All heavy atoms as atom14 arrays in JSON, in Angstrom:
{
  "sequence": "KVLLNTIDLDIGETTVDEKDAKQKLHELCSKKRWSKPCYRVDNEE",
  "atom14_mask": [
    [1, 1, 1, 1, 1, 1, 1, 1, 1, 0, 0, 0, 0, 0],
    [1, 1, 1, 1, 1, 1, 1, 0, 0, 0, 0, 0, 0, 0],
    [1, 1, 1, 1, 1, 1, 1, 1, 0, 0, 0, 0, 0, 0],
    [1, 1, 1, 1, 1, 1, 1, 1, 0, 0, 0, 0, 0, 0],
    [1, 1, 1, 1, 1, 1, 1, 1, 0, 0, 0, 0, 0, 0],
    [1, 1, 1, 1, 1, 1, 1, 0, 0, 0, 0, 0, 0, 0],
    [1, 1, 1, 1, 1, 1, 1, 1, 0, 0, 0, 0, 0, 0],
    [1, 1, 1, 1, 1, 1, 1, 1, 0, 0, 0, 0, 0, 0],
    [1, 1, 1, 1, 1, 1, 1, 1, 0, 0, 0, 0, 0, 0],
    [1, 1, 1, 1, 1, 1, 1, 1, 0, 0, 0, 0, 0, 0],
    [1, 1, 1, 1, 1, 1, 1, 1, 0, 0, 0, 0, 0, 0],
    [1, 1, 1, 1, 0, 0, 0, 0, 0, 0, 0, 0, 0, 0],
    [1, 1, 1, 1, 1, 1, 1, 1, 1, 0, 0, 0, 0, 0],
    [1, 1, 1, 1, 1, 1, 1, 0, 0, 0, 0, 0, 0, 0],
    [1, 1, 1, 1, 1, 1, 1, 0, 0, 0, 0, 0, 0, 0],
    [1, 1, 1, 1, 1, 1, 1, 0, 0, 0, 0, 0, 0, 0],
    [1, 1, 1, 1, 1, 1, 1, 1, 0, 0, 0, 0, 0, 0],
    [1, 1, 1, 1, 1, 1, 1, 1, 1, 0, 0, 0, 0, 0],
    [1, 1, 1, 1, 1, 1, 1, 1, 1, 0, 0, 0, 0, 0],
    [1, 1, 1, 1, 1, 1, 1, 1, 0, 0, 0, 0, 0, 0],
    [1, 1, 1, 1, 1, 0, 0, 0, 0, 0, 0, 0, 0, 0],
    [1, 1, 1, 1, 1, 1, 1, 1, 1, 0, 0, 0, 0, 0],
    [1, 1, 1, 1, 1, 1, 1, 1, 1, 0, 0, 0, 0, 0],
    [1, 1, 1, 1, 1, 1, 1, 1, 1, 0, 0, 0, 0, 0],
    [1, 1, 1, 1, 1, 1, 1, 1, 0, 0, 0, 0, 0, 0],
    [1, 1, 1, 1, 1, 1, 1, 1, 1, 1, 0, 0, 0, 0],
    [1, 1, 1, 1, 1, 1, 1, 1, 1, 0, 0, 0, 0, 0],
    [1, 1, 1, 1, 1, 1, 1, 1, 0, 0, 0, 0, 0, 0],
    [1, 1, 1, 1, 1, 1, 0, 0, 0, 0, 0, 0, 0, 0],
    [1, 1, 1, 1, 1, 1, 0, 0, 0, 0, 0, 0, 0, 0],
    [1, 1, 1, 1, 1, 1, 1, 1, 1, 0, 0, 0, 0, 0],
    [1, 1, 1, 1, 1, 1, 1, 1, 1, 0, 0, 0, 0, 0],
    [1, 1, 1, 1, 1, 1, 1, 1, 1, 1, 1, 0, 0, 0],
    [1, 1, 1, 1, 1, 1, 1, 1, 1, 1, 1, 1, 1, 1],
    [1, 1, 1, 1, 1, 1, 0, 0, 0, 0, 0, 0, 0, 0],
    [1, 1, 1, 1, 1, 1, 1, 1, 1, 0, 0, 0, 0, 0],
    [1, 1, 1, 1, 1, 1, 1, 0, 0, 0, 0, 0, 0, 0],
    [1, 1, 1, 1, 1, 1, 0, 0, 0, 0, 0, 0, 0, 0],
    [1, 1, 1, 1, 1, 1, 1, 1, 1, 1, 1, 1, 0, 0],
    [1, 1, 1, 1, 1, 1, 1, 1, 1, 1, 1, 0, 0, 0],
    [1, 1, 1, 1, 1, 1, 1, 0, 0, 0, 0, 0, 0, 0],
    [1, 1, 1, 1, 1, 1, 1, 1, 0, 0, 0, 0, 0, 0],
    [1, 1, 1, 1, 1, 1, 1, 1, 0, 0, 0, 0, 0, 0],
    [1, 1, 1, 1, 1, 1, 1, 1, 1, 0, 0, 0, 0, 0],
    [1, 1, 1, 1, 1, 1, 1, 1, 1, 0, 0, 0, 0, 0]
  ],
  "atom14_positions": [
    [[8.25, 14.18, 1.48], [6.97, 14.82, 1.17], [6.0, 13.8, 0.49], [4.84, 13.75, 0.9], [7.28, 15.96, 0.17], [8.01, 17.16, 0.76], [8.28, 18.19, -0.28], [9.04, 19.36, 0.28], [9.35, 20.38, -0.75], [0.0, 0.0, 0.0], [0.0, 0.0, 0.0], [0.0, 0.0, 0.0], [0.0, 0.0, 0.0], [0.0, 0.0, 0.0]],
    [[6.55, 13.0, -0.41], [5.65, 11.97, -1.05], [5.23, 10.92, -0.03], [4.05, 10.55, 0.01], [6.44, 11.3, -2.21], [5.6, 10.18, -2.84], [6.87, 12.33, -3.26], [0.0, 0.0, 0.0], [0.0, 0.0, 0.0], [0.0, 0.0, 0.0], [0.0, 0.0, 0.0], [0.0, 0.0, 0.0], [0.0, 0.0, 0.0], [0.0, 0.0, 0.0]],
    [[6.15, 10.56, 0.8], [5.86, 9.46, 1.82], [4.81, 9.89, 2.78], [3.88, 9.18, 3.15], [7.19, 9.07, 2.54], [7.04, 7.97, 3.45], [6.69, 6.63, 2.83], [8.35, 7.76, 4.31], [0.0, 0.0, 0.0], [0.0, 0.0, 0.0], [0.0, 0.0, 0.0], [0.0, 0.0, 0.0], [0.0, 0.0, 0.0], [0.0, 0.0, 0.0]],
    [[4.92, 11.16, 3.33], [3.91, 11.63, 4.3], [2.5, 11.65, 3.68], [1.53, 11.36, 4.32], [4.32, 13.02, 4.87], [5.51, 12.98, 5.82], [5.95, 14.34, 6.16], [5.11, 12.24, 7.07], [0.0, 0.0, 0.0], [0.0, 0.0, 0.0], [0.0, 0.0, 0.0], [0.0, 0.0, 0.0], [0.0, 0.0, 0.0], [0.0, 0.0, 0.0]],
    [[2.43, 12.08, 2.37], [1.17, 12.02, 1.76], [0.63, 10.61, 1.53], [-0.55, 10.3, 1.63], [1.23, 12.75, 0.42], [1.4, 14.25, 0.49], [0.95, 14.86, 1.48], [2.15, 14.87, -0.44], [0.0, 0.0, 0.0], [0.0, 0.0, 0.0], [0.0, 0.0, 0.0], [0.0, 0.0, 0.0], [0.0, 0.0, 0.0], [0.0, 0.0, 0.0]],
    [[1.58, 9.7, 1.22], [1.24, 8.31, 1.01], [0.7, 7.6, 2.28], [-0.26, 6.88, 2.21], [2.41, 7.56, 0.5], [2.9, 8.11, -0.74], [2.1, 6.07, 0.23], [0.0, 0.0, 0.0], [0.0, 0.0, 0.0], [0.0, 0.0, 0.0], [0.0, 0.0, 0.0], [0.0, 0.0, 0.0], [0.0, 0.0, 0.0], [0.0, 0.0, 0.0]],
    [[1.36, 7.94, 3.38], [0.94, 7.21, 4.61], [0.06, 8.07, 5.53], [-0.16, 7.77, 6.64], [2.16, 6.8, 5.44], [3.03, 8.06, 5.89], [3.08, 5.87, 4.62], [4.19, 7.69, 6.75], [0.0, 0.0, 0.0], [0.0, 0.0, 0.0], [0.0, 0.0, 0.0], [0.0, 0.0, 0.0], [0.0, 0.0, 0.0], [0.0, 0.0, 0.0]],
    [[-0.53, 9.12, 4.86], [-1.32, 10.0, 5.66], [-2.54, 9.24, 6.33], [-3.0, 9.58, 7.44], [-1.95, 11.14, 4.78], [-2.84, 12.06, 5.5], [-2.35, 12.66, 6.56], [-4.01, 12.26, 5.1], [0.0, 0.0, 0.0], [0.0, 0.0, 0.0], [0.0, 0.0, 0.0], [0.0, 0.0, 0.0], [0.0, 0.0, 0.0], [0.0, 0.0, 0.0]],
    [[-2.99, 8.21, 5.59], [-4.07, 7.42, 6.15], [-3.61, 6.51, 7.33], [-4.44, 5.97, 8.06], [-4.7, 6.51, 5.09], [-5.39, 7.3, 3.95], [-5.95, 6.3, 3.0], [-6.49, 8.15, 4.46], [0.0, 0.0, 0.0], [0.0, 0.0, 0.0], [0.0, 0.0, 0.0], [0.0, 0.0, 0.0], [0.0, 0.0, 0.0], [0.0, 0.0, 0.0]],
    [[-2.3, 6.35, 7.42], [-1.71, 5.59, 8.48], [-2.28, 4.1, 8.47], [-2.66, 3.57, 9.51], [-1.91, 6.19, 9.83], [-1.0, 5.6, 10.89], [0.03, 5.05, 10.6], [-1.44, 5.69, 12.07], [0.0, 0.0, 0.0], [0.0, 0.0, 0.0], [0.0, 0.0, 0.0], [0.0, 0.0, 0.0], [0.0, 0.0, 0.0], [0.0, 0.0, 0.0]],
    [[-2.37, 3.54, 7.34], [-2.92, 2.15, 7.23], [-1.84, 1.17, 6.81], [-2.11, -0.02, 6.65], [-4.07, 2.12, 6.27], [-3.58, 2.44, 4.87], [-5.19, 3.02, 6.73], [-4.68, 2.41, 3.8], [0.0, 0.0, 0.0], [0.0, 0.0, 0.0], [0.0, 0.0, 0.0], [0.0, 0.0, 0.0], [0.0, 0.0, 0.0], [0.0, 0.0, 0.0]],
    [[-0.57, 1.57, 6.65], [0.39, 0.65, 6.16], [1.21, 0.0, 7.25], [2.16, -0.6, 7.05], [0.0, 0.0, 0.0], [0.0, 0.0, 0.0], [0.0, 0.0, 0.0], [0.0, 0.0, 0.0], [0.0, 0.0, 0.0], [0.0, 0.0, 0.0], [0.0, 0.0, 0.0], [0.0, 0.0, 0.0], [0.0, 0.0, 0.0], [0.0, 0.0, 0.0]],
    [[0.69, 0.05, 8.52], [1.48, -0.52, 9.6], [1.36, -2.08, 9.55], [0.32, -2.63, 9.4], [0.89, -0.08, 10.93], [0.97, 1.46, 11.13], [0.31, 1.95, 12.42], [0.04, 1.12, 13.24], [0.31, 3.21, 12.51], [0.0, 0.0, 0.0], [0.0, 0.0, 0.0], [0.0, 0.0, 0.0], [0.0, 0.0, 0.0], [0.0, 0.0, 0.0]],
    [[2.49, -2.67, 9.8], [2.53, -4.12, 9.64], [1.9, -4.77, 10.97], [1.7, -5.98, 10.99], [3.99, -4.61, 9.53], [4.75, -4.15, 10.68], [4.61, -4.07, 8.26], [0.0, 0.0, 0.0], [0.0, 0.0, 0.0], [0.0, 0.0, 0.0], [0.0, 0.0, 0.0], [0.0, 0.0, 0.0], [0.0, 0.0, 0.0], [0.0, 0.0, 0.0]],
    [[1.59, -3.96, 11.98], [1.11, -4.57, 13.15], [-0.44, -4.73, 13.2], [-1.03, -5.24, 14.07], [1.42, -3.64, 14.38], [0.97, -2.31, 14.11], [2.92, -3.63, 14.6], [0.0, 0.0, 0.0], [0.0, 0.0, 0.0], [0.0, 0.0, 0.0], [0.0, 0.0, 0.0], [0.0, 0.0, 0.0], [0.0, 0.0, 0.0], [0.0, 0.0, 0.0]],
    [[-1.13, -4.3, 12.03], [-2.57, -4.36, 11.98], [-2.94, -5.86, 11.65], [-2.53, -6.41, 10.66], [-3.14, -3.5, 10.84], [-4.63, -3.68, 10.79], [-2.8, -2.0, 11.17], [0.0, 0.0, 0.0], [0.0, 0.0, 0.0], [0.0, 0.0, 0.0], [0.0, 0.0, 0.0], [0.0, 0.0, 0.0], [0.0, 0.0, 0.0], [0.0, 0.0, 0.0]],
    [[-3.73, -6.46, 12.55], [-4.15, -7.83, 12.35], [-5.59, -7.81, 11.79], [-6.31, -6.8, 11.89], [-4.23, -8.6, 13.73], [-2.81, -8.8, 14.25], [-1.88, -8.97, 13.43], [-2.67, -8.76, 15.48], [0.0, 0.0, 0.0], [0.0, 0.0, 0.0], [0.0, 0.0, 0.0], [0.0, 0.0, 0.0], [0.0, 0.0, 0.0], [0.0, 0.0, 0.0]],
    [[-5.96, -8.9, 11.14], [-7.35, -8.95, 10.58], [-8.4, -8.75, 11.64], [-9.42, -8.16, 11.34], [-7.51, -10.28, 9.85], [-8.82, -10.35, 9.09], [-8.87, -11.61, 8.2], [-7.95, -11.73, 7.3], [-9.77, -12.46, 8.34], [0.0, 0.0, 0.0], [0.0, 0.0, 0.0], [0.0, 0.0, 0.0], [0.0, 0.0, 0.0], [0.0, 0.0, 0.0]],
    [[-8.19, -9.29, 12.82], [-9.17, -9.17, 13.88], [-9.37, -7.65, 14.33], [-10.41, -7.4, 14.92], [-8.81, -10.07, 15.05], [-7.48, -9.66, 15.73], [-7.15, -10.67, 16.88], [-5.82, -10.43, 17.48], [-5.64, -9.11, 18.05], [0.0, 0.0, 0.0], [0.0, 0.0, 0.0], [0.0, 0.0, 0.0], [0.0, 0.0, 0.0], [0.0, 0.0, 0.0]],
    [[-8.33, -6.88, 14.06], [-8.48, -5.45, 14.49], [-8.81, -4.54, 13.31], [-8.96, -3.29, 13.47], [-7.1, -4.9, 14.99], [-6.65, -5.74, 16.21], [-7.51, -6.06, 17.05], [-5.44, -6.07, 16.29], [0.0, 0.0, 0.0], [0.0, 0.0, 0.0], [0.0, 0.0, 0.0], [0.0, 0.0, 0.0], [0.0, 0.0, 0.0], [0.0, 0.0, 0.0]],
    [[-9.07, -5.15, 12.13], [-9.31, -4.35, 10.89], [-10.53, -3.5, 11.03], [-10.58, -2.34, 10.49], [-9.39, -5.3, 9.71], [0.0, 0.0, 0.0], [0.0, 0.0, 0.0], [0.0, 0.0, 0.0], [0.0, 0.0, 0.0], [0.0, 0.0, 0.0], [0.0, 0.0, 0.0], [0.0, 0.0, 0.0], [0.0, 0.0, 0.0], [0.0, 0.0, 0.0]],
    [[-11.68, -4.01, 11.59], [-12.88, -3.2, 11.67], [-12.65, -1.92, 12.45], [-13.04, -0.81, 12.03], [-14.0, -4.04, 12.3], [-14.56, -5.12, 11.4], [-15.7, -5.82, 11.99], [-16.93, -4.93, 12.15], [-18.06, -5.63, 12.7], [0.0, 0.0, 0.0], [0.0, 0.0, 0.0], [0.0, 0.0, 0.0], [0.0, 0.0, 0.0], [0.0, 0.0, 0.0]],
    [[-11.91, -2.05, 13.57], [-11.64, -0.85, 14.41], [-10.73, 0.09, 13.7], [-10.94, 1.29, 13.72], [-11.02, -1.32, 15.74], [-10.67, -0.19, 16.71], [-11.87, 0.6, 17.15], [-12.94, 0.12, 17.19], [-11.63, 1.87, 17.4], [0.0, 0.0, 0.0], [0.0, 0.0, 0.0], [0.0, 0.0, 0.0], [0.0, 0.0, 0.0], [0.0, 0.0, 0.0]],
    [[-9.73, -0.44, 13.05], [-8.79, 0.35, 12.28], [-9.52, 1.13, 11.14], [-9.31, 2.32, 10.92], [-7.69, -0.55, 11.66], [-6.56, 0.29, 10.99], [-5.79, 1.05, 11.98], [-4.59, 1.7, 11.33], [-3.79, 2.48, 12.31], [0.0, 0.0, 0.0], [0.0, 0.0, 0.0], [0.0, 0.0, 0.0], [0.0, 0.0, 0.0], [0.0, 0.0, 0.0]],
    [[-10.42, 0.46, 10.43], [-11.16, 1.08, 9.32], [-12.11, 2.16, 9.89], [-12.23, 3.21, 9.33], [-11.93, 0.04, 8.6], [-12.77, 0.61, 7.38], [-11.88, 1.22, 6.37], [-13.55, -0.64, 6.71], [0.0, 0.0, 0.0], [0.0, 0.0, 0.0], [0.0, 0.0, 0.0], [0.0, 0.0, 0.0], [0.0, 0.0, 0.0], [0.0, 0.0, 0.0]],
    [[-12.71, 1.92, 11.04], [-13.63, 2.89, 11.61], [-12.82, 4.14, 12.03], [-13.33, 5.23, 11.79], [-14.21, 2.22, 12.9], [-15.17, 3.19, 13.58], [-16.47, 3.48, 13.27], [-14.93, 3.96, 14.71], [-17.02, 4.29, 14.04], [-16.05, 4.68, 14.96], [0.0, 0.0, 0.0], [0.0, 0.0, 0.0], [0.0, 0.0, 0.0], [0.0, 0.0, 0.0]],
    [[-11.7, 3.98, 12.64], [-10.78, 5.08, 12.98], [-10.38, 5.9, 11.71], [-10.31, 7.12, 11.77], [-9.54, 4.61, 13.71], [-9.87, 3.95, 15.1], [-8.64, 3.31, 15.75], [-7.59, 3.36, 15.06], [-8.8, 2.89, 16.88], [0.0, 0.0, 0.0], [0.0, 0.0, 0.0], [0.0, 0.0, 0.0], [0.0, 0.0, 0.0], [0.0, 0.0, 0.0]],
    [[-10.06, 5.15, 10.69], [-9.62, 5.83, 9.45], [-10.79, 6.67, 8.86], [-10.57, 7.8, 8.47], [-9.24, 4.76, 8.44], [-8.89, 5.2, 6.99], [-7.77, 6.24, 7.01], [-8.61, 4.03, 6.09], [0.0, 0.0, 0.0], [0.0, 0.0, 0.0], [0.0, 0.0, 0.0], [0.0, 0.0, 0.0], [0.0, 0.0, 0.0], [0.0, 0.0, 0.0]],
    [[-11.99, 6.14, 8.82], [-13.1, 6.86, 8.34], [-13.38, 8.08, 9.16], [-13.78, 9.16, 8.63], [-14.31, 5.94, 8.26], [-14.27, 4.66, 6.96], [0.0, 0.0, 0.0], [0.0, 0.0, 0.0], [0.0, 0.0, 0.0], [0.0, 0.0, 0.0], [0.0, 0.0, 0.0], [0.0, 0.0, 0.0], [0.0, 0.0, 0.0], [0.0, 0.0, 0.0]],
    [[-13.28, 7.98, 10.47], [-13.53, 9.08, 11.3], [-12.44, 10.13, 11.15], [-12.82, 11.36, 11.02], [-13.45, 8.63, 12.79], [-13.64, 9.65, 13.68], [0.0, 0.0, 0.0], [0.0, 0.0, 0.0], [0.0, 0.0, 0.0], [0.0, 0.0, 0.0], [0.0, 0.0, 0.0], [0.0, 0.0, 0.0], [0.0, 0.0, 0.0], [0.0, 0.0, 0.0]],
    [[-11.17, 9.73, 10.93], [-10.13, 10.7, 10.67], [-10.28, 11.38, 9.41], [-10.04, 12.65, 9.34], [-8.75, 9.96, 10.75], [-7.57, 10.81, 10.39], [-6.35, 9.95, 10.38], [-5.12, 10.78, 9.89], [-3.88, 9.99, 9.89], [0.0, 0.0, 0.0], [0.0, 0.0, 0.0], [0.0, 0.0, 0.0], [0.0, 0.0, 0.0], [0.0, 0.0, 0.0]],
    [[-10.72, 10.71, 8.32], [-10.85, 11.31, 7.01], [-12.27, 11.98, 6.78], [-12.54, 12.53, 5.81], [-10.64, 10.27, 5.87], [-9.3, 9.53, 5.98], [-8.13, 10.56, 5.79], [-8.06, 11.07, 4.38], [-6.91, 11.95, 4.11], [0.0, 0.0, 0.0], [0.0, 0.0, 0.0], [0.0, 0.0, 0.0], [0.0, 0.0, 0.0], [0.0, 0.0, 0.0]],
    [[-13.15, 11.88, 7.86], [-14.44, 12.39, 7.78], [-15.35, 11.77, 6.7], [-16.08, 12.39, 5.97], [-14.43, 13.89, 7.61], [-13.79, 14.63, 8.81], [-13.86, 16.14, 8.69], [-13.22, 16.76, 9.9], [-13.11, 18.07, 10.01], [-13.51, 18.9, 9.03], [-12.51, 18.58, 11.11], [0.0, 0.0, 0.0], [0.0, 0.0, 0.0], [0.0, 0.0, 0.0]],
    [[-15.05, 10.42, 6.51], [-15.87, 9.7, 5.62], [-17.08, 9.13, 6.37], [-17.11, 9.15, 7.63], [-15.07, 8.49, 4.98], [-13.94, 8.89, 4.13], [-13.73, 10.12, 3.57], [-12.84, 8.12, 3.77], [-12.59, 10.14, 2.83], [-12.0, 8.89, 2.94], [-12.45, 6.8, 4.04], [-10.81, 8.37, 2.42], [-11.31, 6.31, 3.53], [-10.46, 7.02, 2.69]],
    [[-18.01, 8.63, 5.64], [-19.18, 7.96, 6.3], [-18.72, 6.71, 6.94], [-17.65, 6.12, 6.53], [-20.3, 7.63, 5.31], [-19.84, 6.78, 4.3], [0.0, 0.0, 0.0], [0.0, 0.0, 0.0], [0.0, 0.0, 0.0], [0.0, 0.0, 0.0], [0.0, 0.0, 0.0], [0.0, 0.0, 0.0], [0.0, 0.0, 0.0], [0.0, 0.0, 0.0]],
    [[-19.45, 6.2, 7.93], [-19.07, 4.96, 8.61], [-19.17, 3.8, 7.6], [-19.96, 3.76, 6.68], [-20.0, 4.64, 9.8], [-19.9, 5.66, 10.91], [-20.83, 5.31, 12.12], [-20.67, 6.29, 13.24], [-21.56, 5.92, 14.34], [0.0, 0.0, 0.0], [0.0, 0.0, 0.0], [0.0, 0.0, 0.0], [0.0, 0.0, 0.0], [0.0, 0.0, 0.0]],
    [[-18.26, 2.81, 7.83], [-18.23, 1.62, 6.92], [-19.6, 0.92, 6.99], [-20.19, 0.76, 8.09], [-17.08, 0.76, 7.51], [-16.23, 1.7, 8.28], [-17.16, 2.73, 8.84], [0.0, 0.0, 0.0], [0.0, 0.0, 0.0], [0.0, 0.0, 0.0], [0.0, 0.0, 0.0], [0.0, 0.0, 0.0], [0.0, 0.0, 0.0], [0.0, 0.0, 0.0]],
    [[-20.12, 0.43, 5.9], [-21.41, -0.27, 5.82], [-21.14, -1.68, 5.37], [-20.61, -1.97, 4.32], [-22.29, 0.45, 4.79], [-23.89, -0.35, 4.66], [0.0, 0.0, 0.0], [0.0, 0.0, 0.0], [0.0, 0.0, 0.0], [0.0, 0.0, 0.0], [0.0, 0.0, 0.0], [0.0, 0.0, 0.0], [0.0, 0.0, 0.0], [0.0, 0.0, 0.0]],
    [[-21.48, -2.66, 6.33], [-21.22, -4.03, 6.05], [-22.54, -4.76, 5.65], [-23.61, -4.38, 6.11], [-20.65, -4.76, 7.32], [-19.31, -4.16, 7.78], [-19.27, -3.13, 8.69], [-18.11, -4.75, 7.3], [-18.0, -2.62, 9.06], [-16.9, -4.23, 7.67], [-16.85, -3.24, 8.56], [-15.61, -2.71, 8.97], [0.0, 0.0, 0.0], [0.0, 0.0, 0.0]],
    [[-22.38, -5.79, 4.88], [-23.55, -6.65, 4.53], [-23.07, -8.01, 4.21], [-22.0, -8.28, 3.71], [-24.26, -6.03, 3.28], [-23.55, -6.19, 1.94], [-24.49, -5.65, 0.88], [-23.79, -5.93, -0.44], [-24.28, -5.45, -1.63], [-25.45, -4.76, -1.62], [-23.68, -5.69, -2.7], [0.0, 0.0, 0.0], [0.0, 0.0, 0.0], [0.0, 0.0, 0.0]],
    [[-23.99, -8.99, 4.46], [-23.69, -10.43, 4.15], [-24.13, -10.64, 2.69], [-25.34, -10.48, 2.39], [-24.49, -11.37, 5.11], [-24.25, -12.81, 4.74], [-24.02, -11.13, 6.54], [0.0, 0.0, 0.0], [0.0, 0.0, 0.0], [0.0, 0.0, 0.0], [0.0, 0.0, 0.0], [0.0, 0.0, 0.0], [0.0, 0.0, 0.0], [0.0, 0.0, 0.0]],
    [[-23.19, -11.01, 1.85], [-23.53, -11.19, 0.45], [-23.94, -12.62, 0.17], [-24.69, -12.85, -0.79], [-22.28, -10.86, -0.38], [-21.88, -9.36, -0.34], [-22.82, -8.56, -0.24], [-20.67, -9.06, -0.38], [0.0, 0.0, 0.0], [0.0, 0.0, 0.0], [0.0, 0.0, 0.0], [0.0, 0.0, 0.0], [0.0, 0.0, 0.0], [0.0, 0.0, 0.0]],
    [[-23.44, -13.56, 0.9], [-23.68, -14.99, 0.58], [-23.44, -15.83, 1.77], [-22.69, -15.48, 2.65], [-22.86, -15.43, -0.65], [-23.35, -16.71, -1.23], [-24.45, -17.14, -0.99], [-22.42, -17.35, -1.96], [0.0, 0.0, 0.0], [0.0, 0.0, 0.0], [0.0, 0.0, 0.0], [0.0, 0.0, 0.0], [0.0, 0.0, 0.0], [0.0, 0.0, 0.0]],
    [[-24.02, -17.0, 1.77], [-23.85, -18.05, 2.81], [-23.69, -19.43, 2.05], [-24.4, -19.71, 1.17], [-25.02, -18.15, 3.78], [-25.3, -16.91, 4.55], [-26.5, -17.03, 5.51], [-26.86, -18.15, 5.87], [-27.16, -16.0, 5.76], [0.0, 0.0, 0.0], [0.0, 0.0, 0.0], [0.0, 0.0, 0.0], [0.0, 0.0, 0.0], [0.0, 0.0, 0.0]],
    [[-22.68, -20.2, 2.49], [-22.44, -21.41, 1.82], [-22.23, -22.49, 2.86], [-21.69, -22.23, 3.99], [-21.19, -21.38, 0.98], [-21.36, -20.43, -0.31], [-20.09, -20.46, -1.12], [-19.1, -21.13, -0.75], [-20.06, -19.72, -2.13], [0.0, 0.0, 0.0], [0.0, 0.0, 0.0], [0.0, 0.0, 0.0], [0.0, 0.0, 0.0], [0.0, 0.0, 0.0]]
  ]
}
């Protein structure tokens, strides 16, 4: 019961790569009915 609530977001998979993170986050927000992720460039060096 605890585990299913914990992994309800389905984000704990070890197969998620950094290059796929934006798509994964977008799917998560859609599933949870959150607003779309908002990205911004904070700094350039």
